[in-house]
Amino acid sequence: MKILIAEDDQNISTIAKLVLERVGKHEVHLVADGRAALDTALSQSFDLIILDGMMPELSGPEVCRMYKEQKQNASPVIFLSAKSTPQDIAQFLDLGVGYIQKPFNPQTLCQQIETILKAA
């Protein structure tokens, strides 16, 4: 599976990339801000997009809205965020197919993603 991860925290993005590549055997592309996420998602094809809720340039929800408006057959979006109020989670689930709270457990990240995608 080809995955785009948009995350401005380098430690988090590096851990997620390592886990998804080594354990999940996925191809992972990283970007560090919302503008790069939108541009990359629109210019390439991904099986899954994982967006941080809060990023420089554009937030995850903003990226998701614009991406879905501009791309036919949009890829599923999972939000990865420390924001965890009921309102935040509801917004993430309205826009995307799932939500994973930070900090996430690297040992279960692949399984969490698989579970979300199966339920979508």
PDB file of N, CA and C in Angstrom:
ATOM      1  N   MET A   1       0.853  -1.166   0.000  1.00  0.00           N
ATOM      2  CA  MET A   1       0.000   0.000   0.000  1.00  0.00           C
ATOM      3  C   MET A   1       0.907   1.240   0.000  1.00  0.00           C
ATOM      4  N   LYS A   2       0.536   2.230  -0.774  1.00  0.00           N
ATOM      5  CA  LYS A   2       1.275   3.489  -0.849  1.00  0.00           C
ATOM      6  C   LYS A   2       0.574   4.500   0.074  1.00  0.00           C
ATOM      7  N   ILE A   3       1.326   5.005   1.054  1.00  0.00           N
ATOM      8  CA  ILE A   3       0.756   5.850   2.105  1.00  0.00           C
ATOM      9  C   ILE A   3       1.462   7.197   2.138  1.00  0.00           C
ATOM     10  N   LEU A   4       0.680   8.268   2.242  1.00  0.00           N
ATOM     11  CA  LEU A   4       1.208   9.612   2.477  1.00  0.00           C
ATOM     12  C   LEU A   4       0.958   9.950   3.936  1.00  0.00           C
ATOM     13  N   ILE A   5       2.022  10.347   4.646  1.00  0.00           N
ATOM     14  CA  ILE A   5       1.883  10.804   6.028  1.00  0.00           C
ATOM     15  C   ILE A   5       2.260  12.281   6.071  1.00  0.00           C
ATOM     16  N   ALA A   6       1.339  13.101   6.563  1.00  0.00           N
ATOM     17  CA  ALA A   6       1.587  14.522   6.749  1.00  0.00           C
ATOM     18  C   ALA A   6       1.644  14.777   8.251  1.00  0.00           C
ATOM     19  N   GLU A   7       2.833  15.025   8.738  1.00  0.00           N
ATOM     20  CA  GLU A   7       3.075  15.182  10.183  1.00  0.00           C
ATOM     21  C   GLU A   7       4.244  16.136  10.366  1.00  0.00           C
ATOM     22  N   ASP A   8       4.043  17.179  11.176  1.00  0.00           N
ATOM     23  CA  ASP A   8       5.112  18.166  11.356  1.00  0.00           C
ATOM     24  C   ASP A   8       6.104  17.801  12.453  1.00  0.00           C
ATOM     25  N   ASP A   9       5.801  16.819  13.268  1.00  0.00           N
ATOM     26  CA  ASP A   9       6.746  16.365  14.289  1.00  0.00           C
ATOM     27  C   ASP A   9       7.620  15.267  13.677  1.00  0.00           C
ATOM     28  N   GLN A  10       8.891  15.582  13.492  1.00  0.00           N
ATOM     29  CA  GLN A  10       9.787  14.654  12.802  1.00  0.00           C
ATOM     30  C   GLN A  10       9.917  13.314  13.521  1.00  0.00           C
ATOM     31  N   ASN A  11       9.932  13.319  14.848  1.00  0.00           N
ATOM     32  CA  ASN A  11      10.031  12.063  15.589  1.00  0.00           C
ATOM     33  C   ASN A  11       8.830  11.154  15.324  1.00  0.00           C
ATOM     34  N   ILE A  12       7.652  11.740  15.350  1.00  0.00           N
ATOM     35  CA  ILE A  12       6.433  10.963  15.119  1.00  0.00           C
ATOM     36  C   ILE A  12       6.398  10.429  13.689  1.00  0.00           C
ATOM     37  N   SER A  13       6.719  11.285  12.723  1.00  0.00           N
ATOM     38  CA  SER A  13       6.668  10.836  11.330  1.00  0.00           C
ATOM     39  C   SER A  13       7.715   9.754  11.057  1.00  0.00           C
ATOM     40  N   THR A  14       8.891   9.881  11.655  1.00  0.00           N
ATOM     41  CA  THR A  14       9.938   8.872  11.463  1.00  0.00           C
ATOM     42  C   THR A  14       9.532   7.524  12.046  1.00  0.00           C
ATOM     43  N   ILE A  15       8.965   7.544  13.247  1.00  0.00           N
ATOM     44  CA  ILE A  15       8.510   6.296  13.874  1.00  0.00           C
ATOM     45  C   ILE A  15       7.403   5.662  13.044  1.00  0.00           C
ATOM     46  N   ALA A  16       6.424   6.457  12.619  1.00  0.00           N
ATOM     47  CA  ALA A  16       5.325   5.917  11.821  1.00  0.00           C
ATOM     48  C   ALA A  16       5.847   5.334  10.509  1.00  0.00           C
ATOM     49  N   LYS A  17       6.757   6.035   9.865  1.00  0.00           N
ATOM     50  CA  LYS A  17       7.329   5.551   8.600  1.00  0.00           C
ATOM     51  C   LYS A  17       8.059   4.225   8.799  1.00  0.00           C
ATOM     52  N   LEU A  18       8.902   4.151   9.822  1.00  0.00           N
ATOM     53  CA  LEU A  18       9.646   2.918  10.085  1.00  0.00           C
ATOM     54  C   LEU A  18       8.713   1.735  10.331  1.00  0.00           C
ATOM     55  N   VAL A  19       7.715   1.950  11.168  1.00  0.00           N
ATOM     56  CA  VAL A  19       6.775   0.874  11.493  1.00  0.00           C
ATOM     57  C   VAL A  19       6.002   0.433  10.252  1.00  0.00           C
ATOM     58  N   LEU A  20       5.483   1.396   9.511  1.00  0.00           N
ATOM     59  CA  LEU A  20       4.659   1.046   8.354  1.00  0.00           C
ATOM     60  C   LEU A  20       5.481   0.398   7.246  1.00  0.00           C
ATOM     61  N   GLU A  21       6.731   0.799   7.101  1.00  0.00           N
ATOM     62  CA  GLU A  21       7.581   0.181   6.079  1.00  0.00           C
ATOM     63  C   GLU A  21       8.087  -1.192   6.513  1.00  0.00           C
ATOM     64  N   ARG A  22       8.573  -1.291   7.729  1.00  0.00           N
ATOM     65  CA  ARG A  22       9.190  -2.550   8.177  1.00  0.00           C
ATOM     66  C   ARG A  22       8.176  -3.603   8.578  1.00  0.00           C
ATOM     67  N   VAL A  23       7.174  -3.217   9.332  1.00  0.00           N
ATOM     68  CA  VAL A  23       6.181  -4.181   9.808  1.00  0.00           C
ATOM     69  C   VAL A  23       5.084  -4.387   8.758  1.00  0.00           C
ATOM     70  N   GLY A  24       4.557  -3.271   8.244  1.00  0.00           N
ATOM     71  CA  GLY A  24       3.448  -3.366   7.300  1.00  0.00           C
ATOM     72  C   GLY A  24       3.858  -3.576   5.861  1.00  0.00           C
ATOM     73  N   LYS A  25       5.156  -3.399   5.572  1.00  0.00           N
ATOM     74  CA  LYS A  25       5.674  -3.544   4.199  1.00  0.00           C
ATOM     75  C   LYS A  25       5.015  -2.566   3.229  1.00  0.00           C
ATOM     76  N   HIS A  26       4.721  -1.355   3.723  1.00  0.00           N
ATOM     77  CA  HIS A  26       4.089  -0.332   2.901  1.00  0.00           C
ATOM     78  C   HIS A  26       5.136   0.637   2.363  1.00  0.00           C
ATOM     79  N   GLU A  27       4.778   1.323   1.293  1.00  0.00           N
ATOM     80  CA  GLU A  27       5.606   2.399   0.749  1.00  0.00           C
ATOM     81  C   GLU A  27       5.092   3.697   1.371  1.00  0.00           C
ATOM     82  N   VAL A  28       5.964   4.424   2.075  1.00  0.00           N
ATOM     83  CA  VAL A  28       5.537   5.600   2.829  1.00  0.00           C
ATOM     84  C   VAL A  28       6.254   6.851   2.331  1.00  0.00           C
ATOM     85  N   HIS A  29       5.474   7.906   2.107  1.00  0.00           N
ATOM     86  CA  HIS A  29       6.000   9.214   1.725  1.00  0.00           C
ATOM     87  C   HIS A  29       5.659  10.192   2.842  1.00  0.00           C
ATOM     88  N   LEU A  30       6.629  11.007   3.250  1.00  0.00           N
ATOM     89  CA  LEU A  30       6.438  11.965   4.340  1.00  0.00           C
ATOM     90  C   LEU A  30       6.434  13.394   3.824  1.00  0.00           C
ATOM     91  N   VAL A  31       5.569  14.205   4.400  1.00  0.00           N
ATOM     92  CA  VAL A  31       5.596  15.656   4.224  1.00  0.00           C
ATOM     93  C   VAL A  31       5.379  16.278   5.595  1.00  0.00           C
ATOM     94  N   ALA A  32       5.822  17.527   5.751  1.00  0.00           N
ATOM     95  CA  ALA A  32       5.827  18.121   7.090  1.00  0.00           C
ATOM     96  C   ALA A  32       4.863  19.284   7.289  1.00  0.00           C
ATOM     97  N   ASP A  33       4.080  19.629   6.264  1.00  0.00           N
ATOM     98  CA  ASP A  33       3.103  20.705   6.468  1.00  0.00           C
ATOM     99  C   ASP A  33       1.883  20.479   5.588  1.00  0.00           C
ATOM    100  N   GLY A  34       0.842  21.221   5.896  1.00  0.00           N
ATOM    101  CA  GLY A  34      -0.423  21.028   5.206  1.00  0.00           C
ATOM    102  C   GLY A  34      -0.386  21.355   3.724  1.00  0.00           C
ATOM    103  N   ARG A  35       0.326  22.397   3.341  1.00  0.00           N
ATOM    104  CA  ARG A  35       0.409  22.768   1.915  1.00  0.00           C
ATOM    105  C   ARG A  35       1.090  21.649   1.126  1.00  0.00           C
ATOM    106  N   ALA A  36       2.199  21.123   1.647  1.00  0.00           N
ATOM    107  CA  ALA A  36       2.896  20.018   0.979  1.00  0.00           C
ATOM    108  C   ALA A  36       2.005  18.780   0.926  1.00  0.00           C
ATOM    109  N   ALA A  37       1.230  18.561   1.970  1.00  0.00           N
ATOM    110  CA  ALA A  37       0.317  17.414   1.987  1.00  0.00           C
ATOM    111  C   ALA A  37      -0.710  17.531   0.869  1.00  0.00           C
ATOM    112  N   LEU A  38      -1.315  18.691   0.741  1.00  0.00           N
ATOM    113  CA  LEU A  38      -2.328  18.893  -0.295  1.00  0.00           C
ATOM    114  C   LEU A  38      -1.719  18.755  -1.683  1.00  0.00           C
ATOM    115  N   ASP A  39      -0.603  19.426  -1.912  1.00  0.00           N
ATOM    116  CA  ASP A  39       0.049  19.365  -3.224  1.00  0.00           C
ATOM    117  C   ASP A  39       0.442  17.934  -3.587  1.00  0.00           C
ATOM    118  N   THR A  40       1.012  17.209  -2.631  1.00  0.00           N
ATOM    119  CA  THR A  40       1.447  15.836  -2.887  1.00  0.00           C
ATOM    120  C   THR A  40       0.250  14.915  -3.120  1.00  0.00           C
ATOM    121  N   ALA A  41      -0.781  15.057  -2.310  1.00  0.00           N
ATOM    122  CA  ALA A  41      -1.971  14.213  -2.450  1.00  0.00           C
ATOM    123  C   ALA A  41      -2.670  14.442  -3.786  1.00  0.00           C
ATOM    124  N   LEU A  42      -2.642  15.679  -4.278  1.00  0.00           N
ATOM    125  CA  LEU A  42      -3.292  15.981  -5.550  1.00  0.00           C
ATOM    126  C   LEU A  42      -2.455  15.561  -6.755  1.00  0.00           C
ATOM    127  N   SER A  43      -1.142  15.538  -6.593  1.00  0.00           N
ATOM    128  CA  SER A  43      -0.268  15.257  -7.736  1.00  0.00           C
ATOM    129  C   SER A  43       0.120  13.780  -7.873  1.00  0.00           C
ATOM    130  N   GLN A  44      -0.101  13.005  -6.829  1.00  0.00           N
ATOM    131  CA  GLN A  44       0.247  11.586  -6.856  1.00  0.00           C
ATOM    132  C   GLN A  44      -0.952  10.759  -6.397  1.00  0.00           C
ATOM    133  N   SER A  45      -0.840   9.465  -6.586  1.00  0.00           N
ATOM    134  CA  SER A  45      -1.902   8.559  -6.169  1.00  0.00           C
ATOM    135  C   SER A  45      -1.450   7.793  -4.926  1.00  0.00           C
ATOM    136  N   PHE A  46      -2.300   7.775  -3.908  1.00  0.00           N
ATOM    137  CA  PHE A  46      -2.010   7.068  -2.658  1.00  0.00           C
ATOM    138  C   PHE A  46      -3.180   6.165  -2.313  1.00  0.00           C
ATOM    139  N   ASP A  47      -2.871   5.071  -1.634  1.00  0.00           N
ATOM    140  CA  ASP A  47      -3.915   4.172  -1.151  1.00  0.00           C
ATOM    141  C   ASP A  47      -4.505   4.665   0.162  1.00  0.00           C
ATOM    142  N   LEU A  48      -3.721   5.465   0.891  1.00  0.00           N
ATOM    143  CA  LEU A  48      -4.132   5.991   2.190  1.00  0.00           C
ATOM    144  C   LEU A  48      -3.381   7.282   2.459  1.00  0.00           C
ATOM    145  N   ILE A  49      -4.084   8.230   3.083  1.00  0.00           N
ATOM    146  CA  ILE A  49      -3.464   9.481   3.516  1.00  0.00           C
ATOM    147  C   ILE A  49      -3.681   9.604   5.016  1.00  0.00           C
ATOM    148  N   ILE A  50      -2.593   9.842   5.746  1.00  0.00           N
ATOM    149  CA  ILE A  50      -2.660  10.037   7.191  1.00  0.00           C
ATOM    150  C   ILE A  50      -2.280  11.489   7.465  1.00  0.00           C
ATOM    151  N   LEU A  51      -3.200  12.229   8.089  1.00  0.00           N
ATOM    152  CA  LEU A  51      -3.010  13.656   8.321  1.00  0.00           C
ATOM    153  C   LEU A  51      -2.971  13.981   9.807  1.00  0.00           C
ATOM    154  N   ASP A  52      -1.968  14.748  10.198  1.00  0.00           N
ATOM    155  CA  ASP A  52      -1.931  15.329  11.533  1.00  0.00           C
ATOM    156  C   ASP A  52      -3.061  16.353  11.608  1.00  0.00           C
ATOM    157  N   GLY A  53      -3.674  16.475  12.754  1.00  0.00           N
ATOM    158  CA  GLY A  53      -4.761  17.440  12.908  1.00  0.00           C
ATOM    159  C   GLY A  53      -4.287  18.880  12.851  1.00  0.00           C
ATOM    160  N   MET A  54      -3.108  19.142  13.403  1.00  0.00           N
ATOM    161  CA  MET A  54      -2.571  20.507  13.443  1.00  0.00           C
ATOM    162  C   MET A  54      -1.194  20.519  12.791  1.00  0.00           C
ATOM    163  N   MET A  55      -1.079  21.290  11.705  1.00  0.00           N
ATOM    164  CA  MET A  55       0.189  21.407  10.981  1.00  0.00           C
ATOM    165  C   MET A  55       0.381  22.845  10.532  1.00  0.00           C
ATOM    166  N   PRO A  56       1.624  23.224  10.216  1.00  0.00           N
ATOM    167  CA  PRO A  56       1.849  24.535   9.616  1.00  0.00           C
ATOM    168  C   PRO A  56       1.179  24.626   8.241  1.00  0.00           C
ATOM    169  N   GLU A  57       0.913  25.818   7.805  1.00  0.00           N
ATOM    170  CA  GLU A  57       0.332  26.134   6.494  1.00  0.00           C
ATOM    171  C   GLU A  57      -1.170  25.849   6.449  1.00  0.00           C
ATOM    172  N   LEU A  58      -1.551  24.597   6.528  1.00  0.00           N
ATOM    173  CA  LEU A  58      -2.960  24.190   6.529  1.00  0.00           C
ATOM    174  C   LEU A  58      -3.140  23.093   7.569  1.00  0.00           C
ATOM    175  N   SER A  59      -4.271  23.099   8.263  1.00  0.00           N
ATOM    176  CA  SER A  59      -4.540  22.031   9.233  1.00  0.00           C
ATOM    177  C   SER A  59      -4.950  20.759   8.499  1.00  0.00           C
ATOM    178  N   GLY A  60      -4.922  19.650   9.201  1.00  0.00           N
ATOM    179  CA  GLY A  60      -5.362  18.389   8.618  1.00  0.00           C
ATOM    180  C   GLY A  60      -6.783  18.454   8.075  1.00  0.00           C
ATOM    181  N   PRO A  61      -7.748  18.971   8.857  1.00  0.00           N
ATOM    182  CA  PRO A  61      -9.108  19.085   8.326  1.00  0.00           C
ATOM    183  C   PRO A  61      -9.196  19.973   7.080  1.00  0.00           C
ATOM    184  N   GLU A  62      -8.434  21.060   7.042  1.00  0.00           N
ATOM    185  CA  GLU A  62      -8.435  21.916   5.853  1.00  0.00           C
ATOM    186  C   GLU A  62      -7.893  21.157   4.641  1.00  0.00           C
ATOM    187  N   VAL A  63      -6.794  20.443   4.838  1.00  0.00           N
ATOM    188  CA  VAL A  63      -6.216  19.649   3.753  1.00  0.00           C
ATOM    189  C   VAL A  63      -7.239  18.627   3.261  1.00  0.00           C
ATOM    190  N   CYS A  64      -7.877  17.935   4.175  1.00  0.00           N
ATOM    191  CA  CYS A  64      -8.839  16.903   3.816  1.00  0.00           C
ATOM    192  C   CYS A  64      -9.995  17.483   2.995  1.00  0.00           C
ATOM    193  N   ARG A  65     -10.549  18.610   3.443  1.00  0.00           N
ATOM    194  CA  ARG A  65     -11.660  19.238   2.717  1.00  0.00           C
ATOM    195  C   ARG A  65     -11.241  19.616   1.298  1.00  0.00           C
ATOM    196  N   MET A  66     -10.120  20.308   1.182  1.00  0.00           N
ATOM    197  CA  MET A  66      -9.660  20.760  -0.136  1.00  0.00           C
ATOM    198  C   MET A  66      -9.319  19.581  -1.042  1.00  0.00           C
ATOM    199  N   TYR A  67      -8.691  18.573  -0.473  1.00  0.00           N
ATOM    200  CA  TYR A  67      -8.322  17.375  -1.234  1.00  0.00           C
ATOM    201  C   TYR A  67      -9.570  16.710  -1.803  1.00  0.00           C
ATOM    202  N   LYS A  68     -10.580  16.508  -0.976  1.00  0.00           N
ATOM    203  CA  LYS A  68     -11.802  15.843  -1.425  1.00  0.00           C
ATOM    204  C   LYS A  68     -12.562  16.680  -2.451  1.00  0.00           C
ATOM    205  N   GLU A  69     -12.482  18.007  -2.338  1.00  0.00           N
ATOM    206  CA  GLU A  69     -13.143  18.880  -3.311  1.00  0.00           C
ATOM    207  C   GLU A  69     -12.468  18.808  -4.675  1.00  0.00           C
ATOM    208  N   GLN A  70     -11.157  18.601  -4.689  1.00  0.00           N
ATOM    209  CA  GLN A  70     -10.395  18.687  -5.936  1.00  0.00           C
ATOM    210  C   GLN A  70     -10.044  17.353  -6.564  1.00  0.00           C
ATOM    211  N   LYS A  71     -10.201  16.253  -5.846  1.00  0.00           N
ATOM    212  CA  LYS A  71      -9.748  14.956  -6.356  1.00  0.00           C
ATOM    213  C   LYS A  71     -10.923  13.999  -6.489  1.00  0.00           C
ATOM    214  N   GLN A  72     -11.145  13.514  -7.712  1.00  0.00           N
ATOM    215  CA  GLN A  72     -12.134  12.465  -7.897  1.00  0.00           C
ATOM    216  C   GLN A  72     -11.537  11.177  -7.361  1.00  0.00           C
ATOM    217  N   ASN A  73     -12.372  10.308  -6.840  1.00  0.00           N
ATOM    218  CA  ASN A  73     -11.907   9.042  -6.260  1.00  0.00           C
ATOM    219  C   ASN A  73     -10.831   9.279  -5.203  1.00  0.00           C
ATOM    220  N   ALA A  74     -11.120  10.166  -4.277  1.00  0.00           N
ATOM    221  CA  ALA A  74     -10.169  10.508  -3.210  1.00  0.00           C
ATOM    222  C   ALA A  74      -9.830   9.281  -2.375  1.00  0.00           C
ATOM    223  N   SER A  75      -8.578   9.221  -1.967  1.00  0.00           N
ATOM    224  CA  SER A  75      -8.103   8.141  -1.101  1.00  0.00           C
ATOM    225  C   SER A  75      -8.686   8.305   0.296  1.00  0.00           C
ATOM    226  N   PRO A  76      -8.792   7.219   1.050  1.00  0.00           N
ATOM    227  CA  PRO A  76      -9.255   7.345   2.433  1.00  0.00           C
ATOM    228  C   PRO A  76      -8.253   8.144   3.265  1.00  0.00           C
ATOM    229  N   VAL A  77      -8.785   8.894   4.214  1.00  0.00           N
ATOM    230  CA  VAL A  77      -7.969   9.734   5.097  1.00  0.00           C
ATOM    231  C   VAL A  77      -8.182   9.291   6.538  1.00  0.00           C
ATOM    232  N   ILE A  78      -7.067   9.079   7.230  1.00  0.00           N
ATOM    233  CA  ILE A  78      -7.090   8.819   8.667  1.00  0.00           C
ATOM    234  C   ILE A  78      -6.381   9.981   9.338  1.00  0.00           C
ATOM    235  N   PHE A  79      -6.992  10.505  10.396  1.00  0.00           N
ATOM    236  CA  PHE A  79      -6.362  11.586  11.148  1.00  0.00           C
ATOM    237  C   PHE A  79      -5.547  11.005  12.299  1.00  0.00           C
ATOM    238  N   LEU A  80      -4.377  11.583  12.504  1.00  0.00           N
ATOM    239  CA  LEU A  80      -3.469  11.224  13.593  1.00  0.00           C
ATOM    240  C   LEU A  80      -3.272  12.505  14.386  1.00  0.00           C
ATOM    241  N   SER A  81      -3.824  12.562  15.596  1.00  0.00           N
ATOM    242  CA  SER A  81      -3.816  13.844  16.302  1.00  0.00           C
ATOM    243  C   SER A  81      -3.826  13.679  17.812  1.00  0.00           C
ATOM    244  N   ALA A  82      -3.228  14.659  18.486  1.00  0.00           N
ATOM    245  CA  ALA A  82      -3.301  14.733  19.940  1.00  0.00           C
ATOM    246  C   ALA A  82      -4.611  15.374  20.378  1.00  0.00           C
ATOM    247  N   LYS A  83      -5.291  16.042  19.446  1.00  0.00           N
ATOM    248  CA  LYS A  83      -6.583  16.644  19.770  1.00  0.00           C
ATOM    249  C   LYS A  83      -7.574  15.513  20.013  1.00  0.00           C
ATOM    250  N   SER A  84      -8.215  15.525  21.177  1.00  0.00           N
ATOM    251  CA  SER A  84      -9.054  14.382  21.515  1.00  0.00           C
ATOM    252  C   SER A  84     -10.373  14.753  22.197  1.00  0.00           C
ATOM    253  N   THR A  85     -10.801  16.010  22.040  1.00  0.00           N
ATOM    254  CA  THR A  85     -12.115  16.346  22.582  1.00  0.00           C
ATOM    255  C   THR A  85     -13.179  15.669  21.724  1.00  0.00           C
ATOM    256  N   PRO A  86     -14.355  15.441  22.263  1.00  0.00           N
ATOM    257  CA  PRO A  86     -15.411  14.834  21.451  1.00  0.00           C
ATOM    258  C   PRO A  86     -15.683  15.611  20.155  1.00  0.00           C
ATOM    259  N   GLN A  87     -15.596  16.947  20.223  1.00  0.00           N
ATOM    260  CA  GLN A  87     -15.825  17.771  19.027  1.00  0.00           C
ATOM    261  C   GLN A  87     -14.729  17.545  17.990  1.00  0.00           C
ATOM    262  N   ASP A  88     -13.472  17.477  18.444  1.00  0.00           N
ATOM    263  CA  ASP A  88     -12.368  17.234  17.518  1.00  0.00           C
ATOM    264  C   ASP A  88     -12.514  15.871  16.847  1.00  0.00           C
ATOM    265  N   ILE A  89     -12.779  14.857  17.652  1.00  0.00           N
ATOM    266  CA  ILE A  89     -12.911  13.502  17.113  1.00  0.00           C
ATOM    267  C   ILE A  89     -14.082  13.425  16.133  1.00  0.00           C
ATOM    268  N   ALA A  90     -15.192  14.073  16.467  1.00  0.00           N
ATOM    269  CA  ALA A  90     -16.356  14.079  15.567  1.00  0.00           C
ATOM    270  C   ALA A  90     -15.996  14.732  14.232  1.00  0.00           C
ATOM    271  N   GLN A  91     -15.240  15.822  14.282  1.00  0.00           N
ATOM    272  CA  GLN A  91     -14.817  16.494  13.045  1.00  0.00           C
ATOM    273  C   GLN A  91     -13.928  15.562  12.208  1.00  0.00           C
ATOM    274  N   PHE A  92     -12.971  14.922  12.864  1.00  0.00           N
ATOM    275  CA  PHE A  92     -12.081  14.005  12.142  1.00  0.00           C
ATOM    276  C   PHE A  92     -12.880  12.874  11.488  1.00  0.00           C
ATOM    277  N   LEU A  93     -13.834  12.324  12.215  1.00  0.00           N
ATOM    278  CA  LEU A  93     -14.604  11.197  11.696  1.00  0.00           C
ATOM    279  C   LEU A  93     -15.606  11.627  10.625  1.00  0.00           C
ATOM    280  N   ASP A  94     -16.055  12.881  10.669  1.00  0.00           N
ATOM    281  CA  ASP A  94     -16.928  13.401   9.610  1.00  0.00           C
ATOM    282  C   ASP A  94     -16.161  13.537   8.299  1.00  0.00           C
ATOM    283  N   LEU A  95     -14.900  13.917   8.394  1.00  0.00           N
ATOM    284  CA  LEU A  95     -14.086  14.162   7.197  1.00  0.00           C
ATOM    285  C   LEU A  95     -13.355  12.919   6.701  1.00  0.00           C
ATOM    286  N   GLY A  96     -12.871  12.120   7.620  1.00  0.00           N
ATOM    287  CA  GLY A  96     -12.053  10.966   7.253  1.00  0.00           C
ATOM    288  C   GLY A  96     -12.716   9.666   7.632  1.00  0.00           C
ATOM    289  N   VAL A  97     -11.965   8.574   7.413  1.00  0.00           N
ATOM    290  CA  VAL A  97     -12.507   7.248   7.731  1.00  0.00           C
ATOM    291  C   VAL A  97     -12.112   6.785   9.127  1.00  0.00           C
ATOM    292  N   GLY A  98     -11.212   7.540   9.788  1.00  0.00           N
ATOM    293  CA  GLY A  98     -10.804   7.120  11.114  1.00  0.00           C
ATOM    294  C   GLY A  98      -9.905   8.133  11.794  1.00  0.00           C
ATOM    295  N   TYR A  99      -9.610   7.807  13.051  1.00  0.00           N
ATOM    296  CA  TYR A  99      -8.820   8.692  13.911  1.00  0.00           C
ATOM    297  C   TYR A  99      -7.941   7.829  14.799  1.00  0.00           C
ATOM    298  N   ILE A 100      -6.676   8.203  14.900  1.00  0.00           N
ATOM    299  CA  ILE A 100      -5.740   7.550  15.813  1.00  0.00           C
ATOM    300  C   ILE A 100      -5.175   8.641  16.708  1.00  0.00           C
ATOM    301  N   GLN A 101      -5.270   8.424  18.009  1.00  0.00           N
ATOM    302  CA  GLN A 101      -4.803   9.433  18.960  1.00  0.00           C
ATOM    303  C   GLN A 101      -3.295   9.336  19.167  1.00  0.00           C
ATOM    304  N   LYS A 102      -2.659  10.513  19.234  1.00  0.00           N
ATOM    305  CA  LYS A 102      -1.238  10.595  19.588  1.00  0.00           C
ATOM    306  C   LYS A 102      -1.143  10.787  21.089  1.00  0.00           C
ATOM    307  N   PRO A 103      -0.161  10.224  21.720  1.00  0.00           N
ATOM    308  CA  PRO A 103       0.862   9.364  21.132  1.00  0.00           C
ATOM    309  C   PRO A 103       0.277   7.989  20.830  1.00  0.00           C
ATOM    310  N   PHE A 104       0.668   7.431  19.690  1.00  0.00           N
ATOM    311  CA  PHE A 104       0.180   6.112  19.304  1.00  0.00           C
ATOM    312  C   PHE A 104       1.192   5.057  19.726  1.00  0.00           C
ATOM    313  N   ASN A 105       0.718   3.826  19.786  1.00  0.00           N
ATOM    314  CA  ASN A 105       1.585   2.702  20.123  1.00  0.00           C
ATOM    315  C   ASN A 105       2.165   2.150  18.821  1.00  0.00           C
ATOM    316  N   PRO A 106       3.475   2.277  18.607  1.00  0.00           N
ATOM    317  CA  PRO A 106       4.066   1.780  17.355  1.00  0.00           C
ATOM    318  C   PRO A 106       3.791   0.299  17.098  1.00  0.00           C
ATOM    319  N   GLN A 107       3.673  -0.482  18.166  1.00  0.00           N
ATOM    320  CA  GLN A 107       3.448  -1.922  18.013  1.00  0.00           C
ATOM    321  C   GLN A 107       2.071  -2.244  17.440  1.00  0.00           C
ATOM    322  N   THR A 108       1.114  -1.331  17.607  1.00  0.00           N
ATOM    323  CA  THR A 108      -0.241  -1.612  17.125  1.00  0.00           C
ATOM    324  C   THR A 108      -0.681  -0.693  15.986  1.00  0.00           C
ATOM    325  N   LEU A 109       0.203   0.157  15.504  1.00  0.00           N
ATOM    326  CA  LEU A 109      -0.179   1.130  14.473  1.00  0.00           C
ATOM    327  C   LEU A 109      -0.711   0.436  13.214  1.00  0.00           C
ATOM    328  N   CYS A 110      -0.006  -0.551  12.706  1.00  0.00           N
ATOM    329  CA  CYS A 110      -0.453  -1.243  11.492  1.00  0.00           C
ATOM    330  C   CYS A 110      -1.829  -1.870  11.691  1.00  0.00           C
ATOM    331  N   GLN A 111      -2.032  -2.488  12.839  1.00  0.00           N
ATOM    332  CA  GLN A 111      -3.324  -3.123  13.124  1.00  0.00           C
ATOM    333  C   GLN A 111      -4.437  -2.079  13.235  1.00  0.00           C
ATOM    334  N   GLN A 112      -4.152  -0.946  13.869  1.00  0.00           N
ATOM    335  CA  GLN A 112      -5.159   0.115  13.973  1.00  0.00           C
ATOM    336  C   GLN A 112      -5.581   0.580  12.587  1.00  0.00           C
ATOM    337  N   ILE A 113      -4.624   0.783  11.709  1.00  0.00           N
ATOM    338  CA  ILE A 113      -4.921   1.241  10.352  1.00  0.00           C
ATOM    339  C   ILE A 113      -5.737   0.192   9.613  1.00  0.00           C
ATOM    340  N   GLU A 114      -5.345  -1.062   9.700  1.00  0.00           N
ATOM    341  CA  GLU A 114      -6.093  -2.143   9.035  1.00  0.00           C
ATOM    342  C   GLU A 114      -7.526  -2.208   9.539  1.00  0.00           C
ATOM    343  N   THR A 115      -7.703  -2.088  10.845  1.00  0.00           N
ATOM    344  CA  THR A 115      -9.047  -2.134  11.429  1.00  0.00           C
ATOM    345  C   THR A 115      -9.906  -0.975  10.924  1.00  0.00           C
ATOM    346  N   ILE A 116      -9.331   0.215  10.873  1.00  0.00           N
ATOM    347  CA  ILE A 116     -10.074   1.385  10.390  1.00  0.00           C
ATOM    348  C   ILE A 116     -10.464   1.195   8.920  1.00  0.00           C
ATOM    349  N   LEU A 117      -9.528   0.740   8.101  1.00  0.00           N
ATOM    350  CA  LEU A 117      -9.815   0.592   6.673  1.00  0.00           C
ATOM    351  C   LEU A 117     -10.843  -0.515   6.407  1.00  0.00           C
ATOM    352  N   LYS A 118     -10.819  -1.570   7.194  1.00  0.00           N
ATOM    353  CA  LYS A 118     -11.814  -2.631   7.022  1.00  0.00           C
ATOM    354  C   LYS A 118     -13.216  -2.145   7.376  1.00  0.00           C
ATOM    355  N   ALA A 119     -13.304  -1.270   8.369  1.00  0.00           N
ATOM    356  CA  ALA A 119     -14.593  -0.762   8.809  1.00  0.00           C
ATOM    357  C   ALA A 119     -15.147   0.333   7.885  1.00  0.00           C
ATOM    358  N   ALA A 120     -14.269   0.922   7.092  1.00  0.00           N
ATOM    359  CA  ALA A 120     -14.688   2.061   6.227  1.00  0.00           C
ATOM    360  C   ALA A 120     -15.555   1.614   5.066  1.00  0.00           C
TER     361      ALA A 120
END
